[in-house]
Amino acid sequence: MHIGFFSDSYRPYTSGVVRSIELFTREFNARGHEVYIFGPDYPLVHCPREEKVFRFASIPAPTMPHFSIPIPFSLQLGTTIRRINLQVIHVHSPFLLGRLGAHAARQYGLPLVFTFHTLYDQYVHYLPVAQQVTKSLVITIARDFCNRCDLVIAPSRIIESYLQEIGVKTEVEVIPTGIDLEEFANNDSHWLQKNYQVSPAEKVLLFVGRLGKEKNVKFLLEAFGRVQQEIPHARLVIVGDGPDKEELRKYCFKLGIAGKVIFTGLLSRDQIVHCYASAHLFVFPSVTETQGLVIGEAKAAGLPVVAIRAFGAAEMVRHGEDGLLSEHSQEHFAANIIRLLQDRSLYEAMRRSALRNAAALSSAASAEKMLSCYERLIEAKRAALPSLQH
């Protein structure tokens, strides 16, 4: 099959959406399929030329210069789609390039698939005014876009229910991104000790994610302050970057925990995997995740997880088996961390369960399911439009 991915973000930018695109592309290519990616350029960063990646002119986002806003226009798009013989278009956003991809799918009679990666209404705090009105508008836009597609992919069953609640009538399939399990086979369990002067006696709590309001990192810092009072040899490592980074650094000083918190900034993929391998516990305070891909990665590295019981995180963690789900309470969140760090037998049992349960989250299995959906949609389109066979 010839598959077209349209996305408002792509590497070198890092996010769950980009990681999903990378994993599915790798799995599809390994099976002999052709994946073409239509994404933004990043004018402030060097983007190496890739044969099957088509970049759209973009402008740096005013509040996040490392993120680019693509201009959804190209005189060559139609010619390109015909030349590479796309058979299905899969969009990863209901905006900009996602809408361009949807328009192309209609124009050329191709199946249109949309992955609902993000709870878009949870990001309106980046807009300066009328956030409540904007929130309702964003939900309406997302719902209407879903209803124009042939198939909507939900990363978790909780998101499937959410889509039904907001009025999505299009067929929904639950397909998580999955984990590349081979990545976690041989990694350096002392990497943080070697590179960030972490003591072997310290218990490392790890967070991986974007440093934005929607990730609830301030809550994590406050909860960690409580953990510090009980377990002074605990250390918090925060991997990622984002608009709140400097504010969060300053907040650590205010809380008196700056000496116990490490901000690594952006790391390469290999370095992130080494961070998982050299941590003791994964902590995830976000309440806006559609699937919590980093939770699956942490489990693949054998890390028990403490997360807030919300949306995708609540589905990714098996409470009492490979982690603990917390109420949205600093006291409860901190108590769960303390419990796991102090109860050695419980910790070891959850570590073994995390490794075992991660095996069911392989990206290969997710890719097979997605390909079956594509095949079914292509056949249905051919049956409805016999002229496409010619």
Protein backbone atom coordinates (compact mmCIF):
# COMPACT_ATOMS: atom_id res chain seq x y z
CA MET A 1 0.00 0.00 0.00
CA HIS A 2 0.97 3.62 -0.53
CA ILE A 3 0.02 5.54 2.62
CA GLY A 4 0.05 9.30 3.15
CA PHE A 5 0.49 10.73 6.65
CA PHE A 6 -0.50 14.40 7.06
CA SER A 7 0.61 15.98 10.34
CA ASP A 8 1.02 19.47 11.81
CA SER A 9 4.20 18.27 13.56
CA TYR A 10 7.08 16.03 12.63
CA ARG A 11 10.71 15.58 13.55
CA PRO A 12 12.97 17.18 14.57
CA TYR A 13 10.12 18.29 16.86
CA THR A 14 9.45 15.67 19.53
CA SER A 15 6.01 14.69 20.82
CA GLY A 16 3.73 11.72 21.23
CA VAL A 17 2.24 12.41 17.81
CA VAL A 18 5.66 12.43 16.15
CA ARG A 19 6.64 9.25 18.00
CA SER A 20 3.44 7.56 16.80
CA ILE A 21 4.16 8.54 13.19
CA GLU A 22 7.74 7.25 13.48
CA LEU A 23 6.71 3.89 14.91
CA PHE A 24 3.91 3.20 12.44
CA THR A 25 6.13 4.30 9.55
CA ARG A 26 8.87 1.92 10.65
CA GLU A 27 6.46 -1.00 11.06
CA PHE A 28 4.72 -0.35 7.73
CA ASN A 29 8.02 -0.02 5.87
CA ALA A 30 9.25 -3.28 7.39
CA ARG A 31 6.24 -5.00 5.81
CA GLY A 32 6.96 -3.61 2.36
CA HIS A 33 4.48 -0.73 2.36
CA GLU A 34 5.34 2.81 1.26
CA VAL A 35 4.74 5.68 3.70
CA TYR A 36 4.86 9.31 2.59
CA ILE A 37 4.83 12.06 5.20
CA PHE A 38 3.44 15.55 4.63
CA GLY A 39 4.54 17.80 7.47
CA PRO A 40 5.93 21.22 8.42
CA ASP A 41 9.36 22.63 7.80
CA TYR A 42 11.27 24.01 10.79
CA PRO A 43 13.02 27.19 9.59
CA LEU A 44 15.01 27.65 12.83
CA VAL A 45 16.33 24.07 12.81
CA HIS A 46 18.19 22.09 10.18
CA CYS A 47 15.83 19.50 8.68
CA PRO A 48 17.71 16.84 6.73
CA ARG A 49 16.15 15.98 3.38
CA GLU A 50 14.27 12.68 3.42
CA GLU A 51 13.10 11.03 0.25
CA LYS A 52 9.50 10.37 1.32
CA VAL A 53 8.98 13.46 3.51
CA PHE A 54 7.33 16.49 1.91
CA ARG A 55 7.80 19.70 3.91
CA PHE A 56 5.41 22.65 3.81
CA ALA A 57 6.56 26.22 4.31
CA SER A 58 6.09 27.09 7.99
CA ILE A 59 6.52 29.89 10.48
CA PRO A 60 7.86 29.53 14.04
CA ALA A 61 5.11 29.66 16.66
CA PRO A 62 5.27 33.00 18.55
CA THR A 63 5.25 31.39 22.02
CA MET A 64 7.22 28.25 21.06
CA PRO A 65 9.90 29.03 18.44
CA HIS A 66 10.99 25.37 18.26
CA PHE A 67 7.46 24.50 17.07
CA SER A 68 6.41 25.49 13.54
CA ILE A 69 3.00 26.34 12.12
CA PRO A 70 2.68 24.91 8.61
CA ILE A 71 1.04 26.88 5.82
CA PRO A 72 -1.45 24.37 4.34
CA PHE A 73 -0.96 25.21 0.69
CA SER A 74 1.07 23.71 -2.16
CA LEU A 75 0.67 23.96 -5.91
CA GLN A 76 2.42 20.59 -6.27
CA LEU A 77 0.22 18.58 -3.87
CA GLY A 78 -2.14 17.12 -6.47
CA THR A 79 0.67 16.22 -8.82
CA THR A 80 2.58 14.60 -5.97
CA ILE A 81 -0.39 12.53 -4.78
CA ARG A 82 -0.95 11.19 -8.29
CA ARG A 83 2.76 10.55 -8.86
CA ILE A 84 3.25 8.50 -5.69
CA ASN A 85 -0.13 6.80 -6.18
CA LEU A 86 -1.50 7.28 -2.66
CA GLN A 87 -4.18 4.74 -1.73
CA VAL A 88 -5.13 6.01 1.73
CA ILE A 89 -4.69 9.30 3.57
CA HIS A 90 -4.18 9.21 7.33
CA VAL A 91 -4.26 12.60 9.08
CA HIS A 92 -2.95 13.29 12.57
CA SER A 93 -4.60 16.65 13.24
CA PRO A 94 -8.02 18.23 12.58
CA PHE A 95 -6.32 21.52 11.70
CA LEU A 96 -4.03 22.92 8.97
CA LEU A 97 -2.32 19.96 7.25
CA GLY A 98 -4.97 17.61 8.61
CA ARG A 99 -7.64 19.61 6.81
CA LEU A 100 -5.50 19.77 3.70
CA GLY A 101 -5.18 15.98 3.78
CA ALA A 102 -8.95 15.62 4.25
CA HIS A 103 -9.57 17.88 1.24
CA ALA A 104 -7.14 15.82 -0.87
CA ALA A 105 -8.83 12.58 0.19
CA ARG A 106 -12.22 13.90 -0.97
CA GLN A 107 -10.78 15.30 -4.20
CA TYR A 108 -9.10 12.05 -5.21
CA GLY A 109 -11.66 9.60 -3.79
CA LEU A 110 -9.28 8.15 -1.18
CA PRO A 111 -10.17 6.71 2.24
CA LEU A 112 -9.62 9.21 5.07
CA VAL A 113 -8.40 8.03 8.49
CA PHE A 114 -7.87 10.34 11.47
CA THR A 115 -6.09 9.49 14.72
CA PHE A 116 -7.49 11.45 17.66
CA HIS A 117 -4.13 11.93 19.37
CA THR A 118 -4.95 14.90 21.57
CA LEU A 119 -7.68 16.28 23.82
CA TYR A 120 -7.54 19.54 21.90
CA ASP A 121 -9.77 21.47 24.29
CA GLN A 122 -7.14 21.00 27.02
CA TYR A 123 -4.68 23.22 25.11
CA VAL A 124 -6.71 26.44 24.85
CA HIS A 125 -4.64 27.99 27.66
CA TYR A 126 -2.10 28.84 24.93
CA LEU A 127 -4.62 31.32 23.53
CA PRO A 128 -4.70 34.76 25.18
CA VAL A 129 -8.47 35.38 25.28
CA ALA A 130 -11.94 33.79 25.47
CA GLN A 131 -10.64 30.41 26.55
CA GLN A 132 -13.99 28.97 27.62
CA VAL A 133 -15.64 29.93 24.32
CA THR A 134 -12.61 28.61 22.45
CA LYS A 135 -12.80 25.32 24.37
CA SER A 136 -16.37 24.69 23.19
CA LEU A 137 -15.44 25.72 19.66
CA VAL A 138 -12.45 23.36 19.57
CA ILE A 139 -14.61 20.43 20.69
CA THR A 140 -17.11 21.26 17.92
CA ILE A 141 -14.35 21.48 15.31
CA ALA A 142 -12.85 18.16 16.40
CA ARG A 143 -16.24 16.42 16.42
CA ASP A 144 -17.23 17.73 12.99
CA PHE A 145 -13.86 16.77 11.54
CA CYS A 146 -14.20 13.23 12.89
CA ASN A 147 -17.62 12.96 11.27
CA ARG A 148 -16.12 13.80 7.85
CA CYS A 149 -13.68 10.86 8.03
CA ASP A 150 -14.13 7.25 6.99
CA LEU A 151 -12.53 5.97 10.19
CA VAL A 152 -11.35 7.51 13.45
CA ILE A 153 -8.58 5.88 15.45
CA ALA A 154 -8.78 6.22 19.24
CA PRO A 155 -5.57 5.41 21.14
CA SER A 156 -7.55 4.02 24.10
CA ARG A 157 -11.06 2.81 25.00
CA ILE A 158 -11.52 5.79 27.29
CA ILE A 159 -10.99 8.10 24.31
CA GLU A 160 -13.39 5.98 22.25
CA SER A 161 -16.06 6.68 24.90
CA TYR A 162 -15.14 10.37 24.94
CA LEU A 163 -15.60 10.60 21.16
CA GLN A 164 -19.03 9.00 21.41
CA GLU A 165 -19.97 11.43 24.19
CA ILE A 166 -19.11 14.52 22.13
CA GLY A 167 -21.18 13.26 19.20
CA VAL A 168 -18.81 11.43 16.85
CA LYS A 169 -20.87 9.14 14.59
CA THR A 170 -18.04 7.84 12.38
CA GLU A 171 -16.75 4.33 13.06
CA VAL A 172 -14.05 4.34 15.76
CA GLU A 173 -11.32 1.72 16.10
CA VAL A 174 -9.14 1.51 19.23
CA ILE A 175 -5.50 1.14 18.20
CA PRO A 176 -2.78 2.32 20.59
CA THR A 177 0.53 3.42 19.11
CA GLY A 178 2.36 0.55 20.74
CA ILE A 179 5.95 0.21 21.96
CA ASP A 180 9.11 -0.75 20.12
CA LEU A 181 10.09 -3.44 22.62
CA GLU A 182 13.50 -4.06 21.03
CA GLU A 183 14.58 -0.55 22.05
CA PHE A 184 14.53 -1.60 25.69
CA ALA A 185 16.46 -4.85 25.39
CA ASN A 186 20.02 -3.66 26.18
CA ASN A 187 20.41 -0.31 27.87
CA ASP A 188 22.68 1.37 30.40
CA SER A 189 21.17 1.16 33.90
CA HIS A 190 23.86 3.55 35.20
CA TRP A 191 23.46 6.25 32.55
CA LEU A 192 22.03 8.90 34.88
CA GLN A 193 24.74 8.21 37.43
CA LYS A 194 27.42 8.69 34.79
CA ASN A 195 25.95 11.77 33.11
CA TYR A 196 24.11 13.68 35.85
CA GLN A 197 26.04 12.82 39.01
CA VAL A 198 23.14 10.83 40.46
CA SER A 199 24.31 8.86 43.49
CA PRO A 200 23.87 5.06 43.43
CA ALA A 201 22.06 5.42 46.76
CA GLU A 202 19.41 7.76 45.34
CA LYS A 203 15.96 6.59 44.25
CA VAL A 204 15.28 8.19 40.86
CA LEU A 205 11.77 9.30 39.93
CA LEU A 206 11.47 9.93 36.20
CA PHE A 207 9.12 12.12 34.18
CA VAL A 208 9.30 12.30 30.38
CA GLY A 209 7.16 14.82 28.57
CA ARG A 210 6.54 18.34 27.36
CA LEU A 211 6.97 21.09 29.92
CA GLY A 212 3.63 22.78 29.36
CA LYS A 213 0.70 23.55 31.62
CA GLU A 214 -1.33 20.63 30.26
CA LYS A 215 1.26 18.13 31.62
CA ASN A 216 0.66 19.25 35.22
CA VAL A 217 4.38 19.30 36.09
CA LYS A 218 3.91 21.94 38.80
CA PHE A 219 1.69 19.46 40.63
CA LEU A 220 4.47 16.88 40.32
CA LEU A 221 7.03 19.24 41.86
CA GLU A 222 4.73 19.96 44.78
CA ALA A 223 4.09 16.24 45.34
CA PHE A 224 7.83 15.55 45.12
CA GLY A 225 8.38 18.11 47.89
CA ARG A 226 6.20 15.90 50.09
CA VAL A 227 8.14 12.80 49.03
CA GLN A 228 11.40 14.53 49.96
CA GLN A 229 10.22 14.97 53.54
CA GLU A 230 9.83 11.19 53.90
CA ILE A 231 12.57 9.97 51.55
CA PRO A 232 15.43 12.53 51.43
CA HIS A 233 17.46 10.31 49.07
CA ALA A 234 14.78 10.54 46.35
CA ARG A 235 15.75 12.41 43.16
CA LEU A 236 13.44 13.69 40.41
CA VAL A 237 14.63 13.69 36.78
CA ILE A 238 12.54 15.66 34.28
CA VAL A 239 13.22 14.91 30.62
CA GLY A 240 11.81 17.30 28.03
CA ASP A 241 11.40 20.92 27.08
CA GLY A 242 8.56 23.37 26.69
CA PRO A 243 7.28 26.87 27.37
CA ASP A 244 7.11 26.38 31.16
CA LYS A 245 10.67 25.15 31.66
CA GLU A 246 12.13 28.30 33.23
CA GLU A 247 9.08 28.89 35.40
CA LEU A 248 9.31 25.30 36.68
CA ARG A 249 13.03 25.70 37.43
CA LYS A 250 12.29 28.80 39.52
CA TYR A 251 9.43 27.01 41.26
CA CYS A 252 11.88 24.32 42.43
CA PHE A 253 13.85 27.00 44.28
CA LYS A 254 10.65 28.33 45.83
CA LEU A 255 9.79 24.83 47.06
CA GLY A 256 13.33 24.23 48.34
CA ILE A 257 13.88 21.17 46.13
CA ALA A 258 16.12 22.63 43.40
CA GLY A 259 19.10 20.53 44.49
CA LYS A 260 17.05 17.37 44.10
CA VAL A 261 15.50 18.03 40.66
CA ILE A 262 17.35 17.55 37.38
CA PHE A 263 16.06 19.14 34.17
CA THR A 264 17.80 17.37 31.29
CA GLY A 265 16.17 19.35 28.49
CA LEU A 266 15.67 17.63 25.15
CA LEU A 267 17.51 14.34 24.76
CA SER A 268 18.04 12.00 21.83
CA ARG A 269 15.91 8.89 21.61
CA ASP A 270 18.78 6.65 22.77
CA GLN A 271 19.42 8.89 25.75
CA ILE A 272 15.76 8.85 26.76
CA VAL A 273 15.75 5.05 26.72
CA HIS A 274 18.87 5.07 28.94
CA CYS A 275 17.01 7.38 31.35
CA TYR A 276 14.20 4.83 31.64
CA ALA A 277 16.76 2.08 32.25
CA SER A 278 18.52 3.98 35.04
CA ALA A 279 15.42 5.18 36.94
CA HIS A 280 13.50 3.43 39.72
CA LEU A 281 9.97 4.74 39.24
CA PHE A 282 8.02 6.56 36.54
CA VAL A 283 5.81 9.42 37.72
CA PHE A 284 3.14 10.90 35.47
CA PRO A 285 0.88 13.74 36.67
CA SER A 286 -0.81 14.63 33.35
CA VAL A 287 -4.62 14.57 33.22
CA THR A 288 -4.91 15.23 29.47
CA GLU A 289 -3.36 12.14 27.86
CA THR A 290 -5.21 10.18 25.20
CA GLN A 291 -2.98 7.15 25.72
CA GLY A 292 0.13 7.96 27.78
CA LEU A 293 2.66 6.44 25.40
CA VAL A 294 5.54 7.22 27.77
CA ILE A 295 3.84 5.06 30.41
CA GLY A 296 4.05 2.08 28.09
CA GLU A 297 7.70 2.88 27.43
CA ALA A 298 8.42 3.06 31.15
CA LYS A 299 6.78 -0.33 31.66
CA ALA A 300 8.86 -1.78 28.81
CA ALA A 301 11.93 -0.68 30.82
CA GLY A 302 10.57 -2.42 33.91
CA LEU A 303 9.49 0.72 35.77
CA PRO A 304 6.41 0.66 37.99
CA VAL A 305 4.26 3.76 37.40
CA VAL A 306 2.49 6.28 39.62
CA ALA A 307 -0.03 8.27 37.58
CA ILE A 308 -3.23 10.23 38.03
CA ARG A 309 -6.40 8.32 37.25
CA ALA A 310 -7.44 10.22 34.11
CA PHE A 311 -8.13 9.39 30.44
CA GLY A 312 -5.41 7.33 28.73
CA ALA A 313 -3.16 7.06 31.78
CA ALA A 314 -5.95 5.32 33.69
CA GLU A 315 -6.11 2.68 30.96
CA MET A 316 -2.36 2.29 30.51
CA VAL A 317 -1.67 1.55 34.20
CA ARG A 318 -3.09 -1.61 35.75
CA HIS A 319 -3.72 -0.34 39.26
CA GLY A 320 -2.17 -2.54 41.92
CA GLU A 321 -0.45 -4.70 39.30
CA ASP A 322 2.16 -2.63 37.42
CA GLY A 323 1.60 0.71 39.10
CA LEU A 324 -0.65 2.84 41.26
CA LEU A 325 -3.32 5.26 40.09
CA SER A 326 -3.84 8.33 42.21
CA GLU A 327 -6.59 10.82 42.74
CA HIS A 328 -5.74 14.37 41.64
CA SER A 329 -4.34 15.09 45.08
CA GLN A 330 -0.72 15.89 45.95
CA GLU A 331 -1.07 14.01 49.22
CA HIS A 332 -2.40 10.85 47.54
CA PHE A 333 0.08 11.03 44.65
CA ALA A 334 3.04 11.46 47.02
CA ALA A 335 1.76 8.68 49.30
CA ASN A 336 1.71 6.25 46.37
CA ILE A 337 5.29 7.15 45.46
CA ILE A 338 6.43 6.73 49.06
CA ARG A 339 4.62 3.40 49.34
CA LEU A 340 6.34 1.95 46.28
CA LEU A 341 9.79 3.19 47.28
CA GLN A 342 9.47 1.84 50.81
CA ASP A 343 7.81 -1.52 50.11
CA ARG A 344 10.54 -3.54 48.38
CA SER A 345 8.43 -6.67 47.74
CA LEU A 346 5.55 -4.64 46.26
CA TYR A 347 8.01 -2.72 44.08
CA GLU A 348 9.64 -5.87 42.71
CA ALA A 349 6.26 -7.50 42.00
CA MET A 350 5.13 -4.43 40.07
CA ARG A 351 8.42 -4.23 38.21
CA ARG A 352 7.97 -7.80 36.96
CA SER A 353 4.35 -7.12 36.01
CA ALA A 354 5.35 -3.94 34.15
CA LEU A 355 7.75 -5.90 31.97
CA ARG A 356 5.21 -8.65 31.35
CA ASN A 357 2.32 -6.28 30.54
CA ALA A 358 4.45 -4.15 28.22
CA ALA A 359 4.88 -7.17 25.96
CA ALA A 360 1.19 -6.87 25.02
CA LEU A 361 1.76 -3.30 23.78
CA SER A 362 4.02 -4.05 20.82
CA SER A 363 4.02 -1.60 17.93
CA ALA A 364 4.03 -4.59 15.56
CA ALA A 365 0.60 -5.72 16.76
CA SER A 366 -0.79 -2.18 16.47
CA ALA A 367 0.61 -1.84 12.95
CA GLU A 368 -1.04 -5.10 11.82
CA LYS A 369 -4.40 -3.89 13.09
CA MET A 370 -4.00 -0.51 11.37
CA LEU A 371 -3.06 -2.13 8.07
CA SER A 372 -6.16 -4.32 8.23
CA CYS A 373 -8.26 -1.17 8.63
CA TYR A 374 -6.59 0.44 5.61
CA GLU A 375 -7.18 -2.65 3.46
CA ARG A 376 -10.84 -2.78 4.43
CA LEU A 377 -11.35 0.92 3.66
CA ILE A 378 -9.56 0.72 0.32
CA GLU A 379 -11.70 -2.25 -0.75
CA ALA A 380 -14.88 -0.47 0.35
CA LYS A 381 -13.87 2.62 -1.63
CA ARG A 382 -13.17 0.54 -4.71
CA ALA A 383 -16.53 -1.18 -4.42
CA ALA A 384 -18.32 2.15 -4.07
CA LEU A 385 -16.32 3.82 -6.87
CA PRO A 386 -15.51 1.23 -9.56
CA SER A 387 -13.86 3.92 -11.66
CA LEU A 388 -10.99 4.01 -9.14
CA GLN A 389 -9.90 0.58 -10.38
CA HIS A 390 -8.95 2.19 -13.66
